[in-house]
PDB file of N, CA and C in Angstrom:
ATOM      1  N   MET A   1       1.669 -22.881   7.331  1.00  0.00           N
ATOM      2  CA  MET A   1       3.667 -22.347   7.084  1.00  0.00           C
ATOM      3  C   MET A   1       3.554 -21.379   7.672  1.00  0.00           C
ATOM      4  N   GLN A   2       2.656 -20.538   8.532  1.00  0.00           N
ATOM      5  CA  GLN A   2       2.558 -19.726   8.617  1.00  0.00           C
ATOM      6  C   GLN A   2       3.449 -19.376  10.299  1.00  0.00           C
ATOM      7  N   LYS A   3       2.843 -20.955  11.179  1.00  0.00           N
ATOM      8  CA  LYS A   3       2.842 -20.549  12.512  1.00  0.00           C
ATOM      9  C   LYS A   3       4.409 -21.060  12.520  1.00  0.00           C
ATOM     10  N   ASP A   4       5.001 -21.821  11.372  1.00  0.00           N
ATOM     11  CA  ASP A   4       6.123 -22.341  11.648  1.00  0.00           C
ATOM     12  C   ASP A   4       7.400 -21.573  11.559  1.00  0.00           C
ATOM     13  N   LEU A   5       7.103 -20.231   9.948  1.00  0.00           N
ATOM     14  CA  LEU A   5       7.953 -19.017  10.353  1.00  0.00           C
ATOM     15  C   LEU A   5       7.752 -18.876  11.183  1.00  0.00           C
ATOM     16  N   ILE A   6       7.198 -18.493  11.664  1.00  0.00           N
ATOM     17  CA  ILE A   6       6.654 -17.571  13.161  1.00  0.00           C
ATOM     18  C   ILE A   6       7.587 -18.285  14.315  1.00  0.00           C
ATOM     19  N   LYS A   7       7.164 -18.886  14.337  1.00  0.00           N
ATOM     20  CA  LYS A   7       8.031 -20.640  15.866  1.00  0.00           C
ATOM     21  C   LYS A   7       9.969 -20.095  15.134  1.00  0.00           C
ATOM     22  N   GLN A   8      10.061 -20.073  13.484  1.00  0.00           N
ATOM     23  CA  GLN A   8      11.456 -20.134  12.997  1.00  0.00           C
ATOM     24  C   GLN A   8      12.217 -18.359  13.132  1.00  0.00           C
ATOM     25  N   ILE A   9      11.522 -17.628  13.618  1.00  0.00           N
ATOM     26  CA  ILE A   9      10.903 -16.011  14.000  1.00  0.00           C
ATOM     27  C   ILE A   9      11.586 -16.663  15.152  1.00  0.00           C
ATOM     28  N   PHE A  10      11.576 -16.605  16.505  1.00  0.00           N
ATOM     29  CA  PHE A  10      11.521 -16.523  17.862  1.00  0.00           C
ATOM     30  C   PHE A  10      12.530 -17.013  18.396  1.00  0.00           C
ATOM     31  N   SER A  11      13.396 -17.614  17.481  1.00  0.00           N
ATOM     32  CA  SER A  11      14.417 -18.725  17.384  1.00  0.00           C
ATOM     33  C   SER A  11      16.049 -18.153  16.570  1.00  0.00           C
ATOM     34  N   LEU A  12      14.710 -17.148  16.837  1.00  0.00           N
ATOM     35  CA  LEU A  12      16.391 -16.262  15.466  1.00  0.00           C
ATOM     36  C   LEU A  12      16.698 -15.240  16.234  1.00  0.00           C
ATOM     37  N   ASP A  13      18.212 -15.247  16.572  1.00  0.00           N
ATOM     38  CA  ASP A  13      19.481 -14.213  17.448  1.00  0.00           C
ATOM     39  C   ASP A  13      19.177 -12.513  16.576  1.00  0.00           C
ATOM     40  N   ALA A  14      19.724 -12.208  16.956  1.00  0.00           N
ATOM     41  CA  ALA A  14      19.675 -10.449  16.063  1.00  0.00           C
ATOM     42  C   ALA A  14      20.521 -10.058  15.330  1.00  0.00           C
ATOM     43  N   THR A  15      20.937 -11.014  14.921  1.00  0.00           N
ATOM     44  CA  THR A  15      22.158 -10.928  13.559  1.00  0.00           C
ATOM     45  C   THR A  15      20.946 -11.409  11.725  1.00  0.00           C
ATOM     46  N   GLU A  16      20.217 -12.445  12.459  1.00  0.00           N
ATOM     47  CA  GLU A  16      19.786 -12.928  11.801  1.00  0.00           C
ATOM     48  C   GLU A  16      17.848 -12.569  11.712  1.00  0.00           C
ATOM     49  N   LEU A  17      17.179 -11.948  12.573  1.00  0.00           N
ATOM     50  CA  LEU A  17      16.307 -11.051  13.113  1.00  0.00           C
ATOM     51  C   LEU A  17      16.085 -10.458  12.523  1.00  0.00           C
ATOM     52  N   ALA A  18      17.679  -9.087  12.328  1.00  0.00           N
ATOM     53  CA  ALA A  18      17.420  -7.884  11.252  1.00  0.00           C
ATOM     54  C   ALA A  18      17.991  -8.115   9.961  1.00  0.00           C
ATOM     55  N   GLN A  19      18.673  -9.192   9.338  1.00  0.00           N
ATOM     56  CA  GLN A  19      18.418  -9.763   7.909  1.00  0.00           C
ATOM     57  C   GLN A  19      16.544 -10.094   7.927  1.00  0.00           C
ATOM     58  N   VAL A  20      16.242 -10.500   8.519  1.00  0.00           N
ATOM     59  CA  VAL A  20      14.462 -11.175   7.900  1.00  0.00           C
ATOM     60  C   VAL A  20      14.126  -8.753   8.203  1.00  0.00           C
ATOM     61  N   ILE A  21      14.189  -8.838   8.642  1.00  0.00           N
ATOM     62  CA  ILE A  21      14.075  -7.197   8.867  1.00  0.00           C
ATOM     63  C   ILE A  21      13.895  -6.858   7.913  1.00  0.00           C
ATOM     64  N   GLU A  22      15.054  -6.457   7.120  1.00  0.00           N
ATOM     65  CA  GLU A  22      15.350  -5.791   6.410  1.00  0.00           C
ATOM     66  C   GLU A  22      14.757  -6.748   5.119  1.00  0.00           C
ATOM     67  N   ALA A  23      14.315  -7.679   4.852  1.00  0.00           N
ATOM     68  CA  ALA A  23      13.793  -8.166   3.877  1.00  0.00           C
ATOM     69  C   ALA A  23      12.633  -8.137   4.068  1.00  0.00           C
ATOM     70  N   VAL A  24      12.021  -8.191   5.158  1.00  0.00           N
ATOM     71  CA  VAL A  24      10.477  -7.689   4.661  1.00  0.00           C
ATOM     72  C   VAL A  24      10.121  -6.207   3.980  1.00  0.00           C
ATOM     73  N   LYS A  25      11.169  -4.882   4.997  1.00  0.00           N
ATOM     74  CA  LYS A  25      11.398  -3.714   4.675  1.00  0.00           C
ATOM     75  C   LYS A  25      11.505  -3.472   2.615  1.00  0.00           C
ATOM     76  N   LEU A  26      12.791  -4.327   1.786  1.00  0.00           N
ATOM     77  CA  LEU A  26      12.508  -4.468   0.971  1.00  0.00           C
ATOM     78  C   LEU A  26      11.261  -5.044   0.017  1.00  0.00           C
ATOM     79  N   ARG A  27      10.506  -6.144   0.344  1.00  0.00           N
ATOM     80  CA  ARG A  27       8.980  -6.751  -0.198  1.00  0.00           C
ATOM     81  C   ARG A  27       8.361  -6.122   0.179  1.00  0.00           C
ATOM     82  N   ARG A  28       8.187  -5.003   1.014  1.00  0.00           N
ATOM     83  CA  ARG A  28       6.992  -4.089   1.394  1.00  0.00           C
ATOM     84  C   ARG A  28       7.570  -2.703   0.343  1.00  0.00           C
ATOM     85  N   ASN A  29       8.051  -2.677   0.130  1.00  0.00           N
ATOM     86  CA  ASN A  29       8.698  -1.146  -1.058  1.00  0.00           C
ATOM     87  C   ASN A  29       8.767  -1.565  -2.145  1.00  0.00           C
ATOM     88  N   GLN A  30       9.463  -3.157  -2.711  1.00  0.00           N
ATOM     89  CA  GLN A  30       8.182  -3.878  -3.621  1.00  0.00           C
ATOM     90  C   GLN A  30       7.010  -3.690  -3.996  1.00  0.00           C
ATOM     91  N   LEU A  31       6.026  -4.545  -3.218  1.00  0.00           N
ATOM     92  CA  LEU A  31       5.049  -4.619  -3.547  1.00  0.00           C
ATOM     93  C   LEU A  31       4.398  -2.791  -4.031  1.00  0.00           C
ATOM     94  N   HIS A  32       4.681  -2.097  -2.940  1.00  0.00           N
ATOM     95  CA  HIS A  32       4.294  -0.011  -2.680  1.00  0.00           C
ATOM     96  C   HIS A  32       4.888  -0.664  -4.587  1.00  0.00           C
ATOM     97  N   CYS A  33       5.147  -0.232  -4.592  1.00  0.00           N
ATOM     98  CA  CYS A  33       6.432   0.111  -5.977  1.00  0.00           C
ATOM     99  C   CYS A  33       5.260  -0.488  -7.502  1.00  0.00           C
ATOM    100  N   GLU A  34       4.973  -1.807  -7.202  1.00  0.00           N
ATOM    101  CA  GLU A  34       3.979  -2.650  -7.687  1.00  0.00           C
ATOM    102  C   GLU A  34       2.623  -2.553  -8.365  1.00  0.00           C
ATOM    103  N   ASN A  35       3.014  -2.203  -7.469  1.00  0.00           N
ATOM    104  CA  ASN A  35       1.091  -1.651  -7.194  1.00  0.00           C
ATOM    105  C   ASN A  35       0.646  -0.569  -7.836  1.00  0.00           C
ATOM    106  N   ALA A  36       1.705   0.050  -7.309  1.00  0.00           N
ATOM    107  CA  ALA A  36       1.557   2.075  -7.416  1.00  0.00           C
ATOM    108  C   ALA A  36       1.176   2.410  -9.208  1.00  0.00           C
ATOM    109  N   GLN A  37       2.540   1.686 -10.169  1.00  0.00           N
ATOM    110  CA  GLN A  37       2.907   1.715 -10.910  1.00  0.00           C
ATOM    111  C   GLN A  37       1.838   0.805 -11.406  1.00  0.00           C
ATOM    112  N   SER A  38       0.530  -0.111 -11.284  1.00  0.00           N
ATOM    113  CA  SER A  38      -0.307  -0.503 -12.325  1.00  0.00           C
ATOM    114  C   SER A  38      -1.885   0.101 -11.982  1.00  0.00           C
ATOM    115  N   LEU A  39      -1.121   1.125 -11.564  1.00  0.00           N
ATOM    116  CA  LEU A  39      -2.678   2.067 -11.676  1.00  0.00           C
ATOM    117  C   LEU A  39      -2.386   3.186 -12.521  1.00  0.00           C
ATOM    118  N   ARG A  40      -3.397   4.309 -13.346  1.00  0.00           N
ATOM    119  CA  ARG A  40      -3.079   4.642 -13.710  1.00  0.00           C
ATOM    120  C   ARG A  40      -3.729   5.872 -13.579  1.00  0.00           C
ATOM    121  N   VAL A  41      -3.499   7.184 -13.498  1.00  0.00           N
ATOM    122  CA  VAL A  41      -4.023   8.399 -13.297  1.00  0.00           C
ATOM    123  C   VAL A  41      -5.983   8.762 -14.330  1.00  0.00           C
ATOM    124  N   GLY A  42      -6.755   8.799 -12.998  1.00  0.00           N
ATOM    125  CA  GLY A  42      -8.003   9.093 -13.323  1.00  0.00           C
ATOM    126  C   GLY A  42      -8.823   7.554 -13.319  1.00  0.00           C
ATOM    127  N   ASP A  43      -8.063   6.809 -12.614  1.00  0.00           N
ATOM    128  CA  ASP A  43      -8.626   5.944 -12.272  1.00  0.00           C
ATOM    129  C   ASP A  43      -9.128   5.817 -10.659  1.00  0.00           C
ATOM    130  N   ARG A  44     -10.141   5.026 -10.405  1.00  0.00           N
ATOM    131  CA  ARG A  44     -11.447   5.125  -9.263  1.00  0.00           C
ATOM    132  C   ARG A  44     -10.482   4.527  -8.584  1.00  0.00           C
ATOM    133  N   VAL A  45      -9.577   4.303  -7.274  1.00  0.00           N
ATOM    134  CA  VAL A  45      -9.561   3.796  -6.277  1.00  0.00           C
ATOM    135  C   VAL A  45     -10.418   4.230  -3.992  1.00  0.00           C
ATOM    136  N   SER A  46      -9.785   3.775  -3.989  1.00  0.00           N
ATOM    137  CA  SER A  46     -10.513   3.603  -1.808  1.00  0.00           C
ATOM    138  C   SER A  46      -9.021   3.136  -1.668  1.00  0.00           C
ATOM    139  N   PHE A  47      -9.177   3.514  -0.298  1.00  0.00           N
ATOM    140  CA  PHE A  47      -8.380   3.916   0.799  1.00  0.00           C
ATOM    141  C   PHE A  47      -8.825   3.668   2.131  1.00  0.00           C
ATOM    142  N   GLU A  48      -8.367   3.446   2.900  1.00  0.00           N
ATOM    143  CA  GLU A  48      -8.797   3.802   4.492  1.00  0.00           C
ATOM    144  C   GLU A  48      -7.559   4.592   5.021  1.00  0.00           C
ATOM    145  N   GLY A  49      -8.573   5.627   6.081  1.00  0.00           N
ATOM    146  CA  GLY A  49      -8.057   6.661   5.750  1.00  0.00           C
ATOM    147  C   GLY A  49      -8.095   6.580   7.157  1.00  0.00           C
ATOM    148  N   ARG A  50      -7.050   8.058   7.846  1.00  0.00           N
ATOM    149  CA  ARG A  50      -7.054   8.327   9.275  1.00  0.00           C
ATOM    150  C   ARG A  50      -7.933   8.057  10.052  1.00  0.00           C
ATOM    151  N   GLY A  51      -8.231   7.560  11.635  1.00  0.00           N
ATOM    152  CA  GLY A  51      -9.540   7.198  11.596  1.00  0.00           C
ATOM    153  C   GLY A  51     -10.732   5.920  11.089  1.00  0.00           C
ATOM    154  N   GLY A  52      -9.686   4.681  10.591  1.00  0.00           N
ATOM    155  CA  GLY A  52     -10.452   4.235  10.055  1.00  0.00           C
ATOM    156  C   GLY A  52     -11.621   4.194   9.365  1.00  0.00           C
ATOM    157  N   TYR A  53     -11.367   5.622   8.070  1.00  0.00           N
ATOM    158  CA  TYR A  53     -12.605   5.491   7.383  1.00  0.00           C
ATOM    159  C   TYR A  53     -12.103   5.332   6.533  1.00  0.00           C
ATOM    160  N   ILE A  54     -12.691   4.739   5.571  1.00  0.00           N
ATOM    161  CA  ILE A  54     -13.102   4.202   3.619  1.00  0.00           C
ATOM    162  C   ILE A  54     -12.968   5.577   3.767  1.00  0.00           C
ATOM    163  N   GLU A  55     -12.151   5.619   2.728  1.00  0.00           N
ATOM    164  CA  GLU A  55     -12.346   7.339   1.458  1.00  0.00           C
ATOM    165  C   GLU A  55     -11.912   6.659   0.389  1.00  0.00           C
ATOM    166  N   LYS A  56     -12.669   7.810  -0.916  1.00  0.00           N
ATOM    167  CA  LYS A  56     -12.409   7.564  -1.788  1.00  0.00           C
ATOM    168  C   LYS A  56     -12.063   7.831  -3.100  1.00  0.00           C
ATOM    169  N   GLY A  57     -11.234   7.973  -3.879  1.00  0.00           N
ATOM    170  CA  GLY A  57     -10.414   9.307  -4.888  1.00  0.00           C
ATOM    171  C   GLY A  57     -10.416   8.840  -5.992  1.00  0.00           C
ATOM    172  N   THR A  58      -9.548   9.778  -6.221  1.00  0.00           N
ATOM    173  CA  THR A  58      -9.312   9.663  -8.058  1.00  0.00           C
ATOM    174  C   THR A  58      -7.837   9.455  -8.168  1.00  0.00           C
ATOM    175  N   VAL A  59      -7.035   8.839  -8.987  1.00  0.00           N
ATOM    176  CA  VAL A  59      -5.686   8.860  -8.899  1.00  0.00           C
ATOM    177  C   VAL A  59      -5.163   9.978  -9.697  1.00  0.00           C
ATOM    178  N   ARG A  60      -4.278  10.867  -9.344  1.00  0.00           N
ATOM    179  CA  ARG A  60      -4.304  12.586  -9.937  1.00  0.00           C
ATOM    180  C   ARG A  60      -2.670  12.536 -10.549  1.00  0.00           C
ATOM    181  N   LYS A  61      -1.393  11.961 -10.024  1.00  0.00           N
ATOM    182  CA  LYS A  61      -0.484  11.284  -9.909  1.00  0.00           C
ATOM    183  C   LYS A  61      -0.022  10.256  -9.056  1.00  0.00           C
ATOM    184  N   ILE A  62       0.978   9.457 -10.846  1.00  0.00           N
ATOM    185  CA  ILE A  62       1.612   7.981  -9.967  1.00  0.00           C
ATOM    186  C   ILE A  62       2.469   8.294  -9.407  1.00  0.00           C
ATOM    187  N   LYS A  63       3.185   8.439  -8.616  1.00  0.00           N
ATOM    188  CA  LYS A  63       4.724   8.466  -7.707  1.00  0.00           C
ATOM    189  C   LYS A  63       5.723   7.299  -8.331  1.00  0.00           C
ATOM    190  N   ILE A  64       6.923   7.189  -7.665  1.00  0.00           N
ATOM    191  CA  ILE A  64       7.513   5.499  -7.556  1.00  0.00           C
ATOM    192  C   ILE A  64       6.551   4.949  -6.766  1.00  0.00           C
ATOM    193  N   LYS A  65       6.376   5.244  -5.688  1.00  0.00           N
ATOM    194  CA  LYS A  65       6.012   3.797  -5.158  1.00  0.00           C
ATOM    195  C   LYS A  65       4.521   4.538  -4.652  1.00  0.00           C
ATOM    196  N   TYR A  66       4.437   6.169  -4.037  1.00  0.00           N
ATOM    197  CA  TYR A  66       3.238   6.789  -3.876  1.00  0.00           C
ATOM    198  C   TYR A  66       2.593   7.242  -4.885  1.00  0.00           C
ATOM    199  N   VAL A  67       1.061   7.006  -4.340  1.00  0.00           N
ATOM    200  CA  VAL A  67      -0.181   7.798  -5.435  1.00  0.00           C
ATOM    201  C   VAL A  67      -1.331   8.906  -5.085  1.00  0.00           C
ATOM    202  N   LEU A  68      -0.790  10.037  -5.380  1.00  0.00           N
ATOM    203  CA  LEU A  68      -1.366  11.174  -4.779  1.00  0.00           C
ATOM    204  C   LEU A  68      -2.622  10.848  -4.965  1.00  0.00           C
ATOM    205  N   VAL A  69      -4.248  10.905  -4.961  1.00  0.00           N
ATOM    206  CA  VAL A  69      -5.647  10.461  -4.961  1.00  0.00           C
ATOM    207  C   VAL A  69      -6.044  11.687  -4.193  1.00  0.00           C
ATOM    208  N   GLU A  70      -7.166  12.020  -5.099  1.00  0.00           N
ATOM    209  CA  GLU A  70      -7.974  13.767  -4.749  1.00  0.00           C
ATOM    210  C   GLU A  70      -8.820  12.454  -4.372  1.00  0.00           C
ATOM    211  N   THR A  71      -9.204  13.085  -2.987  1.00  0.00           N
ATOM    212  CA  THR A  71     -10.651  12.573  -2.415  1.00  0.00           C
ATOM    213  C   THR A  71     -11.761  13.026  -2.760  1.00  0.00           C
ATOM    214  N   ASP A  72     -12.396  11.933  -2.764  1.00  0.00           N
ATOM    215  CA  ASP A  72     -14.181  13.230  -3.428  1.00  0.00           C
ATOM    216  C   ASP A  72     -14.269  13.707  -2.502  1.00  0.00           C
ATOM    217  N   ARG A  73     -13.875  14.455  -1.351  1.00  0.00           N
ATOM    218  CA  ARG A  73     -14.253  15.121  -0.168  1.00  0.00           C
ATOM    219  C   ARG A  73     -13.324  16.695  -0.353  1.00  0.00           C
ATOM    220  N   GLY A  74     -12.415  16.951  -1.904  1.00  0.00           N
ATOM    221  CA  GLY A  74     -11.959  17.395  -1.883  1.00  0.00           C
ATOM    222  C   GLY A  74     -10.093  17.459  -1.567  1.00  0.00           C
ATOM    223  N   SER A  75      -9.886  16.344  -0.637  1.00  0.00           N
ATOM    224  CA  SER A  75      -8.525  16.378   0.211  1.00  0.00           C
ATOM    225  C   SER A  75      -7.611  15.384  -0.927  1.00  0.00           C
ATOM    226  N   ARG A  76      -6.729  15.768  -0.830  1.00  0.00           N
ATOM    227  CA  ARG A  76      -5.428  15.067  -1.443  1.00  0.00           C
ATOM    228  C   ARG A  76      -5.191  14.756  -0.413  1.00  0.00           C
ATOM    229  N   TRP A  77      -4.165  12.953  -0.368  1.00  0.00           N
ATOM    230  CA  TRP A  77      -3.535  12.056   0.062  1.00  0.00           C
ATOM    231  C   TRP A  77      -1.984  12.080  -0.638  1.00  0.00           C
ATOM    232  N   ASN A  78      -0.976  11.490  -0.552  1.00  0.00           N
ATOM    233  CA  ASN A  78      -0.401  10.669  -0.843  1.00  0.00           C
ATOM    234  C   ASN A  78      -0.270   9.349   0.267  1.00  0.00           C
ATOM    235  N   VAL A  79      -0.605   8.223  -0.854  1.00  0.00           N
ATOM    236  CA  VAL A  79      -1.122   6.778  -0.293  1.00  0.00           C
ATOM    237  C   VAL A  79      -0.174   5.432  -1.028  1.00  0.00           C
ATOM    238  N   PRO A  80       0.842   4.772   0.282  1.00  0.00           N
ATOM    239  CA  PRO A  80       1.475   3.770  -0.609  1.00  0.00           C
ATOM    240  C   PRO A  80       0.254   2.805  -1.424  1.00  0.00           C
ATOM    241  N   GLY A  81       0.663   2.329  -3.058  1.00  0.00           N
ATOM    242  CA  GLY A  81       0.524   1.724  -3.944  1.00  0.00           C
ATOM    243  C   GLY A  81      -0.420   1.308  -3.085  1.00  0.00           C
ATOM    244  N   SER A  82       0.225  -0.329  -2.321  1.00  0.00           N
ATOM    245  CA  SER A  82       0.072  -1.222  -2.068  1.00  0.00           C
ATOM    246  C   SER A  82      -1.379  -1.571  -1.266  1.00  0.00           C
ATOM    247  N   HIS A  83      -1.715  -0.206  -0.909  1.00  0.00           N
ATOM    248  CA  HIS A  83      -2.776   0.460   0.121  1.00  0.00           C
ATOM    249  C   HIS A  83      -4.121   1.028  -0.380  1.00  0.00           C
ATOM    250  N   LEU A  84      -3.785   0.525  -2.008  1.00  0.00           N
ATOM    251  CA  LEU A  84      -5.231   1.197  -2.238  1.00  0.00           C
ATOM    252  C   LEU A  84      -5.282   0.035  -3.144  1.00  0.00           C
ATOM    253  N   THR A  85      -7.012   0.164  -2.815  1.00  0.00           N
ATOM    254  CA  THR A  85      -8.195  -0.527  -3.678  1.00  0.00           C
ATOM    255  C   THR A  85      -9.005  -0.340  -5.274  1.00  0.00           C
ATOM    256  N   GLN A  86      -8.548  -1.011  -6.351  1.00  0.00           N
ATOM    257  CA  GLN A  86      -8.910   0.049  -7.147  1.00  0.00           C
ATOM    258  C   GLN A  86     -10.247  -0.329  -7.245  1.00  0.00           C
ATOM    259  N   ILE A  87     -11.593   0.365  -7.579  1.00  0.00           N
ATOM    260  CA  ILE A  87     -13.227   0.711  -7.868  1.00  0.00           C
ATOM    261  C   ILE A  87     -13.523   0.724  -9.625  1.00  0.00           C
ATOM    262  N   GLU A  88     -14.262   0.679  -9.532  1.00  0.00           N
ATOM    263  CA  GLU A  88     -14.698   0.303 -10.733  1.00  0.00           C
ATOM    264  C   GLU A  88     -15.402   2.038 -10.840  1.00  0.00           C
ATOM    265  N   LYS A  89     -15.427   2.534 -12.528  1.00  0.00           N
ATOM    266  CA  LYS A  89     -15.877   3.951 -12.243  1.00  0.00           C
ATOM    267  C   LYS A  89     -17.231   3.638 -12.019  1.00  0.00           C
ATOM    268  N   GLU A  90     -18.454   4.625 -11.100  1.00  0.00           N
ATOM    269  CA  GLU A  90     -19.454   4.758 -11.292  1.00  0.00           C
ATOM    270  C   GLU A  90     -20.524   5.622 -12.407  1.00  0.00           C
ATOM    271  N   THR A  91     -21.028   5.237 -12.963  1.00  0.00           N
ATOM    272  CA  THR A  91     -21.664   5.414 -13.826  1.00  0.00           C
ATOM    273  C   THR A  91     -22.944   6.159 -13.658  1.00  0.00           C
ATOM    274  N   ALA A  92     -23.133   6.912 -14.554  1.00  0.00           N
ATOM    275  CA  ALA A  92     -24.724   7.968 -13.644  1.00  0.00           C
ATOM    276  C   ALA A  92     -25.486   7.738 -13.952  1.00  0.00           C
TER     277      ALA A  92
END
């Protein structure tokens, strides 16, 4: 299916391509919102930070489509909801 979809994209004119791009942006925003709203303050999450490093941290605030995460190293990041992976709480 993906190959057919990609072939169809290459056959689009500029107006049709612009419509597809807008649809992709809308869907991406929907996913960010859905994923952000599925989390709760205090949840443990991980995400890929700058430089490709995996950051782990705790959800501090949930916004409309971004989540404020305080990492284990003490920094704070605004991360799109769909970029976060919920992890199990570590037991001591």
